[in-house]
C-alpha atoms as a PDB file:
ATOM      1  CA  MET A   1      -0.062  -0.160  -0.012  1.00  0.00           C
ATOM      2  CA  ILE A   2       1.143   3.703  -0.695  1.00  0.00           C
ATOM      3  CA  GLY A   3       1.516   5.885   2.032  1.00  0.00           C
ATOM      4  CA  SER A   4       2.954   8.892   0.976  1.00  0.00           C
ATOM      5  CA  LEU A   5       4.984  10.276  -2.414  1.00  0.00           C
ATOM      6  CA  ARG A   6       7.981  12.252  -2.697  1.00  0.00           C
ATOM      7  CA  GLY A   7       8.783  13.888  -6.214  1.00  0.00           C
ATOM      8  CA  THR A   8       8.200  16.889  -8.849  1.00  0.00           C
ATOM      9  CA  LEU A   9       4.576  18.131  -9.116  1.00  0.00           C
ATOM     10  CA  ILE A  10       4.295  17.956 -12.873  1.00  0.00           C
ATOM     11  CA  ASP A  11       0.408  19.309 -12.935  1.00  0.00           C
ATOM     12  CA  ARG A  12      -2.612  19.722 -11.009  1.00  0.00           C
ATOM     13  CA  CYS A  13      -5.998  21.260 -11.225  1.00  0.00           C
ATOM     14  CA  ARG A  14      -8.592  21.894  -8.982  1.00  0.00           C
ATOM     15  CA  ASP A  15      -8.962  18.318  -7.689  1.00  0.00           C
ATOM     16  CA  GLU A  16      -5.993  16.341  -8.652  1.00  0.00           C
ATOM     17  CA  VAL A  17      -2.424  16.404  -9.002  1.00  0.00           C
ATOM     18  CA  LEU A  18       0.314  14.427 -10.807  1.00  0.00           C
ATOM     19  CA  VAL A  19       3.374  13.726  -8.924  1.00  0.00           C
ATOM     20  CA  GLU A  20       6.192  12.073 -10.657  1.00  0.00           C
ATOM     21  CA  VAL A  21       8.402   9.911  -8.565  1.00  0.00           C
ATOM     22  CA  GLY A  22      11.615   8.620  -9.840  1.00  0.00           C
ATOM     23  CA  GLY A  23      15.387   9.350 -10.681  1.00  0.00           C
ATOM     24  CA  PRO A  24      16.857  13.042 -12.641  1.00  0.00           C
ATOM     25  CA  ASP A  25      15.942  11.103 -15.983  1.00  0.00           C
ATOM     26  CA  GLY A  26      12.126  10.802 -15.131  1.00  0.00           C
ATOM     27  CA  GLY A  27      10.471   8.469 -13.443  1.00  0.00           C
ATOM     28  CA  THR A  28       6.729   7.142 -12.476  1.00  0.00           C
ATOM     29  CA  GLY A  29       3.534  10.075 -12.491  1.00  0.00           C
ATOM     30  CA  TYR A  30       1.047   9.063 -10.263  1.00  0.00           C
ATOM     31  CA  ARG A  31      -2.093  10.695 -10.223  1.00  0.00           C
ATOM     32  CA  VAL A  32      -3.684  12.075  -6.561  1.00  0.00           C
ATOM     33  CA  LEU A  33      -7.100  13.301  -6.053  1.00  0.00           C
ATOM     34  CA  VAL A  34      -6.857  16.153  -3.353  1.00  0.00           C
ATOM     35  CA  ALA A  35      -8.979  18.619  -1.748  1.00  0.00           C
ATOM     36  CA  PRO A  36      -8.726  21.967  -3.323  1.00  0.00           C
ATOM     37  CA  ALA A  37      -6.910  23.476  -0.591  1.00  0.00           C
ATOM     38  CA  THR A  38      -4.450  20.775  -0.753  1.00  0.00           C
ATOM     39  CA  SER A  39      -3.862  21.387  -4.454  1.00  0.00           C
ATOM     40  CA  LEU A  40      -2.905  24.887  -3.669  1.00  0.00           C
ATOM     41  CA  GLY A  41      -0.823  24.209  -0.539  1.00  0.00           C
ATOM     42  CA  LEU A  42       1.770  22.035  -2.309  1.00  0.00           C
ATOM     43  CA  GLY A  43       3.509  24.626  -3.732  1.00  0.00           C
ATOM     44  CA  ALA A  44       3.987  25.292  -7.762  1.00  0.00           C
ATOM     45  CA  VAL A  45       4.550  22.864 -10.720  1.00  0.00           C
ATOM     46  CA  GLY A  46       8.196  22.066 -10.662  1.00  0.00           C
ATOM     47  CA  ASP A  47       8.626  21.634  -7.050  1.00  0.00           C
ATOM     48  CA  VAL A  48       9.372  18.853  -5.461  1.00  0.00           C
ATOM     49  CA  VAL A  49       6.773  18.069  -2.844  1.00  0.00           C
ATOM     50  CA  ARG A  50       5.718  15.179  -0.385  1.00  0.00           C
ATOM     51  CA  VAL A  51       1.877  14.365  -0.522  1.00  0.00           C
ATOM     52  CA  HIS A  52       0.147  11.673   2.470  1.00  0.00           C
ATOM     53  CA  VAL A  53      -1.666   9.329   0.539  1.00  0.00           C
ATOM     54  CA  HIS A  54      -4.146   6.842   1.565  1.00  0.00           C
ATOM     55  CA  HIS A  55      -4.400   3.905  -1.194  1.00  0.00           C
ATOM     56  CA  HIS A  56      -8.130   3.131  -1.767  1.00  0.00           C
ATOM     57  CA  VAL A  57      -8.682  -0.013  -3.393  1.00  0.00           C
ATOM     58  CA  ARG A  58     -11.851  -1.611  -4.839  1.00  0.00           C
ATOM     59  CA  GLU A  59     -12.604  -4.677  -7.283  1.00  0.00           C
ATOM     60  CA  ASP A  60     -12.408  -2.277 -10.105  1.00  0.00           C
ATOM     61  CA  ALA A  61     -10.114   0.196  -9.597  1.00  0.00           C
ATOM     62  CA  GLN A  62      -7.609   1.841  -7.105  1.00  0.00           C
ATOM     63  CA  THR A  63      -7.236   5.391  -6.252  1.00  0.00           C
ATOM     64  CA  LEU A  64      -4.911   7.191  -4.329  1.00  0.00           C
ATOM     65  CA  TYR A  65      -6.128  10.272  -2.068  1.00  0.00           C
ATOM     66  CA  GLY A  66      -3.545  12.924  -0.911  1.00  0.00           C
ATOM     67  CA  PHE A  67      -3.286  15.124   1.840  1.00  0.00           C
ATOM     68  CA  LEU A  68      -0.784  17.954   3.472  1.00  0.00           C
ATOM     69  CA  THR A  69      -0.021  16.360   6.689  1.00  0.00           C
ATOM     70  CA  ALA A  70      -0.858  12.694   8.469  1.00  0.00           C
ATOM     71  CA  GLU A  71      -3.273  14.101  10.397  1.00  0.00           C
ATOM     72  CA  ASP A  72      -4.996  15.143   7.634  1.00  0.00           C
ATOM     73  CA  ARG A  73      -4.993  11.106   6.083  1.00  0.00           C
ATOM     74  CA  ARG A  74      -5.500  10.002   9.606  1.00  0.00           C
ATOM     75  CA  THR A  75      -8.986  12.185   9.829  1.00  0.00           C
ATOM     76  CA  PHE A  76      -9.785  10.613   6.484  1.00  0.00           C
ATOM     77  CA  GLU A  77      -9.377   6.935   7.069  1.00  0.00           C
ATOM     78  CA  VAL A  78     -11.344   7.516  10.243  1.00  0.00           C
ATOM     79  CA  LEU A  79     -14.285   8.939   8.386  1.00  0.00           C
ATOM     80  CA  LEU A  80     -14.089   6.411   5.600  1.00  0.00           C
ATOM     81  CA  SER A  81     -14.852   3.821   8.862  1.00  0.00           C
ATOM     82  CA  ALA A  82     -18.231   5.876   9.911  1.00  0.00           C
ATOM     83  CA  HIS A  83     -20.961   3.872   8.290  1.00  0.00           C
ATOM     84  CA  GLY A  84     -21.778   4.700   4.896  1.00  0.00           C
ATOM     85  CA  VAL A  85     -19.222   7.234   4.453  1.00  0.00           C
ATOM     86  CA  GLY A  86     -16.992   6.895   0.914  1.00  0.00           C
ATOM     87  CA  PRO A  87     -14.202   8.619  -0.742  1.00  0.00           C
ATOM     88  CA  ALA A  88     -16.212  11.376  -2.051  1.00  0.00           C
ATOM     89  CA  LEU A  89     -18.230  12.214   1.247  1.00  0.00           C
ATOM     90  CA  ALA A  90     -14.868  11.995   3.451  1.00  0.00           C
ATOM     91  CA  MET A  91     -13.168  14.311   1.024  1.00  0.00           C
ATOM     92  CA  ALA A  92     -16.751  16.466   1.033  1.00  0.00           C
ATOM     93  CA  ILE A  93     -16.084  16.639   4.979  1.00  0.00           C
ATOM     94  CA  LEU A  94     -12.735  17.537   5.230  1.00  0.00           C
ATOM     95  CA  THR A  95     -12.942  19.992   2.077  1.00  0.00           C
ATOM     96  CA  THR A  96     -15.915  21.854   4.252  1.00  0.00           C
ATOM     97  CA  LEU A  97     -14.485  21.165   7.914  1.00  0.00           C
ATOM     98  CA  PRO A  98     -10.724  20.758   8.114  1.00  0.00           C
ATOM     99  CA  PRO A  99      -9.593  18.136  11.315  1.00  0.00           C
ATOM    100  CA  ALA A 100      -9.183  20.826  13.559  1.00  0.00           C
ATOM    101  CA  GLU A 101     -12.557  22.206  12.783  1.00  0.00           C
ATOM    102  CA  LEU A 102     -14.073  18.900  12.917  1.00  0.00           C
ATOM    103  CA  ARG A 103     -13.119  17.794  15.950  1.00  0.00           C
ATOM    104  CA  ARG A 104     -14.378  21.108  17.199  1.00  0.00           C
ATOM    105  CA  ALA A 105     -17.634  20.573  15.822  1.00  0.00           C
ATOM    106  CA  LEU A 106     -17.646  17.420  17.202  1.00  0.00           C
ATOM    107  CA  ALA A 107     -16.835  18.170  20.939  1.00  0.00           C
ATOM    108  CA  THR A 108     -19.224  20.698  20.732  1.00  0.00           C
ATOM    109  CA  ASN A 109     -22.093  18.920  19.283  1.00  0.00           C
ATOM    110  CA  ASP A 110     -22.371  21.383  16.541  1.00  0.00           C
ATOM    111  CA  VAL A 111     -24.588  19.671  13.973  1.00  0.00           C
ATOM    112  CA  ASP A 112     -25.154  22.437  11.792  1.00  0.00           C
ATOM    113  CA  ALA A 113     -21.592  22.654  11.033  1.00  0.00           C
ATOM    114  CA  LEU A 114     -21.728  18.697   9.674  1.00  0.00           C
ATOM    115  CA  CYS A 115     -25.032  19.903   7.977  1.00  0.00           C
ATOM    116  CA  ALA A 116     -23.204  22.455   5.989  1.00  0.00           C
ATOM    117  CA  VAL A 117     -21.426  19.770   4.339  1.00  0.00           C
ATOM    118  CA  PRO A 118     -22.846  19.251   0.647  1.00  0.00           C
ATOM    119  CA  GLY A 119     -24.905  15.807   0.812  1.00  0.00           C
ATOM    120  CA  VAL A 120     -24.928  15.814   4.654  1.00  0.00           C
ATOM    121  CA  GLY A 121     -28.724  16.580   6.507  1.00  0.00           C
ATOM    122  CA  LYS A 122     -29.798  16.655  10.006  1.00  0.00           C
ATOM    123  CA  LYS A 123     -30.036  12.541  10.068  1.00  0.00           C
ATOM    124  CA  THR A 124     -26.790  11.820   8.710  1.00  0.00           C
ATOM    125  CA  ALA A 125     -25.237  14.625  11.034  1.00  0.00           C
ATOM    126  CA  ALA A 126     -26.738  13.346  14.091  1.00  0.00           C
ATOM    127  CA  ARG A 127     -25.377   9.572  12.713  1.00  0.00           C
ATOM    128  CA  LEU A 128     -21.718  10.982  12.098  1.00  0.00           C
ATOM    129  CA  MET A 129     -21.620  12.376  15.379  1.00  0.00           C
ATOM    130  CA  LEU A 130     -22.410   8.747  17.042  1.00  0.00           C
ATOM    131  CA  ASP A 131     -19.772   7.092  14.727  1.00  0.00           C
ATOM    132  CA  LEU A 132     -16.929   9.385  14.933  1.00  0.00           C
ATOM    133  CA  SER A 133     -17.760  10.147  18.885  1.00  0.00           C
ATOM    134  CA  SER A 134     -16.594   6.230  19.394  1.00  0.00           C
ATOM    135  CA  LYS A 135     -13.872   5.890  16.932  1.00  0.00           C
ATOM    136  CA  LEU A 136     -12.513   9.185  18.257  1.00  0.00           C
ATOM    137  CA  ALA A 137     -13.007   8.420  21.961  1.00  0.00           C
ATOM    138  CA  ALA A 138      -9.831  10.110  23.058  1.00  0.00           C
ATOM    139  CA  GLU A 139     -10.948  13.595  21.323  1.00  0.00           C
ATOM    140  CA  VAL A 140     -14.517  13.488  22.134  1.00  0.00           C
ATOM    141  CA  ASP A 141     -16.592  12.631  24.566  1.00  0.00           C
ATOM    142  CA  LEU A 142     -20.518  12.793  24.846  1.00  0.00           C
ATOM    143  CA  ASP A 143     -20.193  13.143  28.427  1.00  0.00           C
ATOM    144  CA  GLU A 144     -19.273  16.942  27.946  1.00  0.00           C
ATOM    145  CA  LEU A 145     -21.709  17.587  25.484  1.00  0.00           C
ATOM    146  CA  VAL A 146     -24.618  17.398  28.112  1.00  0.00           C
ATOM    147  CA  PRO A 147     -25.184  20.158  30.175  1.00  0.00           C
ATOM    148  CA  ALA A 148     -24.857  20.141  34.293  1.00  0.00           C
ATOM    149  CA  ALA A 149     -28.193  19.273  35.614  1.00  0.00           C
ATOM    150  CA  PRO A 150     -29.624  22.933  36.883  1.00  0.00           C
ATOM    151  CA  GLY A 151     -31.134  21.238  40.055  1.00  0.00           C
ATOM    152  CA  ALA A 152     -31.549  17.877  41.983  1.00  0.00           C
ATOM    153  CA  ASN A 153     -34.823  17.098  40.137  1.00  0.00           C
ATOM    154  CA  ALA A 154     -33.944  18.284  36.846  1.00  0.00           C
ATOM    155  CA  GLY A 155     -33.012  14.366  36.052  1.00  0.00           C
ATOM    156  CA  ALA A 156     -30.660  12.765  33.274  1.00  0.00           C
ATOM    157  CA  GLN A 157     -33.843  12.698  30.897  1.00  0.00           C
ATOM    158  CA  ALA A 158     -33.990  16.447  31.587  1.00  0.00           C
ATOM    159  CA  ASP A 159     -30.202  16.960  30.853  1.00  0.00           C
ATOM    160  CA  VAL A 160     -30.760  14.907  27.209  1.00  0.00           C
ATOM    161  CA  ARG A 161     -33.805  16.764  25.959  1.00  0.00           C
ATOM    162  CA  GLU A 162     -31.812  20.178  26.628  1.00  0.00           C
ATOM    163  CA  ALA A 163     -28.867  18.782  24.518  1.00  0.00           C
ATOM    164  CA  LEU A 164     -31.420  17.214  21.371  1.00  0.00           C
ATOM    165  CA  MET A 165     -32.807  20.646  21.563  1.00  0.00           C
ATOM    166  CA  GLY A 166     -29.360  22.721  21.456  1.00  0.00           C
ATOM    167  CA  MET A 167     -28.686  20.756  18.378  1.00  0.00           C
ATOM    168  CA  GLY A 168     -31.327  21.797  16.453  1.00  0.00           C
ATOM    169  CA  PHE A 169     -33.851  18.704  16.628  1.00  0.00           C
ATOM    170  CA  ALA A 170     -37.651  19.779  16.698  1.00  0.00           C
ATOM    171  CA  ALA A 171     -39.693  19.369  19.552  1.00  0.00           C
ATOM    172  CA  ASP A 172     -41.688  16.159  18.086  1.00  0.00           C
ATOM    173  CA  GLU A 173     -38.294  14.288  17.378  1.00  0.00           C
ATOM    174  CA  VAL A 174     -36.994  14.562  20.654  1.00  0.00           C
ATOM    175  CA  ARG A 175     -40.594  13.299  22.404  1.00  0.00           C
ATOM    176  CA  ARG A 176     -40.560  10.662  20.004  1.00  0.00           C
ATOM    177  CA  VAL A 177     -36.985   9.282  20.739  1.00  0.00           C
ATOM    178  CA  MET A 178     -37.180  10.150  24.430  1.00  0.00           C
ATOM    179  CA  ALA A 179     -40.612   8.336  25.309  1.00  0.00           C
ATOM    180  CA  ASP A 180     -39.147   5.532  27.003  1.00  0.00           C
ATOM    181  CA  LEU A 181     -36.050   6.491  28.199  1.00  0.00           C
ATOM    182  CA  PRO A 182     -35.469   6.572  32.085  1.00  0.00           C
ATOM    183  CA  ASP A 183     -35.244   9.657  33.915  1.00  0.00           C
ATOM    184  CA  SER A 184     -32.175   8.624  35.607  1.00  0.00           C
ATOM    185  CA  GLY A 185     -29.170   6.911  34.837  1.00  0.00           C
ATOM    186  CA  ASP A 186     -26.263   8.250  33.007  1.00  0.00           C
ATOM    187  CA  ALA A 187     -27.045  11.467  30.789  1.00  0.00           C
ATOM    188  CA  GLY A 188     -23.882  10.826  28.094  1.00  0.00           C
ATOM    189  CA  GLU A 189     -25.505   6.922  27.584  1.00  0.00           C
ATOM    190  CA  LEU A 190     -29.080   8.077  27.577  1.00  0.00           C
ATOM    191  CA  LEU A 191     -28.035  11.142  24.614  1.00  0.00           C
ATOM    192  CA  ARG A 192     -26.048   8.238  22.669  1.00  0.00           C
ATOM    193  CA  VAL A 193     -29.126   6.178  22.704  1.00  0.00           C
ATOM    194  CA  ALA A 194     -31.313   9.252  21.366  1.00  0.00           C
ATOM    195  CA  LEU A 195     -29.047   9.999  18.753  1.00  0.00           C
ATOM    196  CA  GLN A 196     -28.782   6.252  17.677  1.00  0.00           C
ATOM    197  CA  ARG A 197     -32.382   6.356  17.773  1.00  0.00           C
ATOM    198  CA  LEU A 198     -32.365   9.535  15.542  1.00  0.00           C
ATOM    199  CA  ALA A 199     -29.836   8.242  13.191  1.00  0.00           C
ATOM    200  CA  ALA A 200     -32.109   5.446  12.625  1.00  0.00           C
ATOM    201  CA  ALA A 201     -35.394   6.983  11.971  1.00  0.00           C
END
């Protein structure tokens, strides 16, 4: 599997670059799909560049996806592991939300930020929140997304309802998914269950 390329930038367009790897008399040119920001960030045609690469293999094709940093590539691969996310959607997410902004959106449960990605609606965003919180457990903690109870009688269900409403879900959606949730227990776990139900609806 190809993990990176170092060579001369021979050509580029908005979403693809051609990197020639080999000796001074020429070598092999690799076509690499990239986000527009990556294409611009690599430098000028003729420069020696390094591209971090995800080598995507299917039965009918092999495609290289290129990134400026190893973190970008790792985030892309985490996105691919989420349910229903293919390379095109993963690239669209990273084009809209670079890794730091994506982590910030997850940490603050900013569903609107994910909905800004072309092709991502509220239900898909909720599912991504759930999937990525478990895959990036060291960086995202659902417990931190639930507001502290304002009083002893508020209960875990009230905390979860407030969190879901803050994420932009309609009152009837919240009422439906919370119909049989207990009013006690771990609020973070109850939020996880509610998000699972919203994503499956």
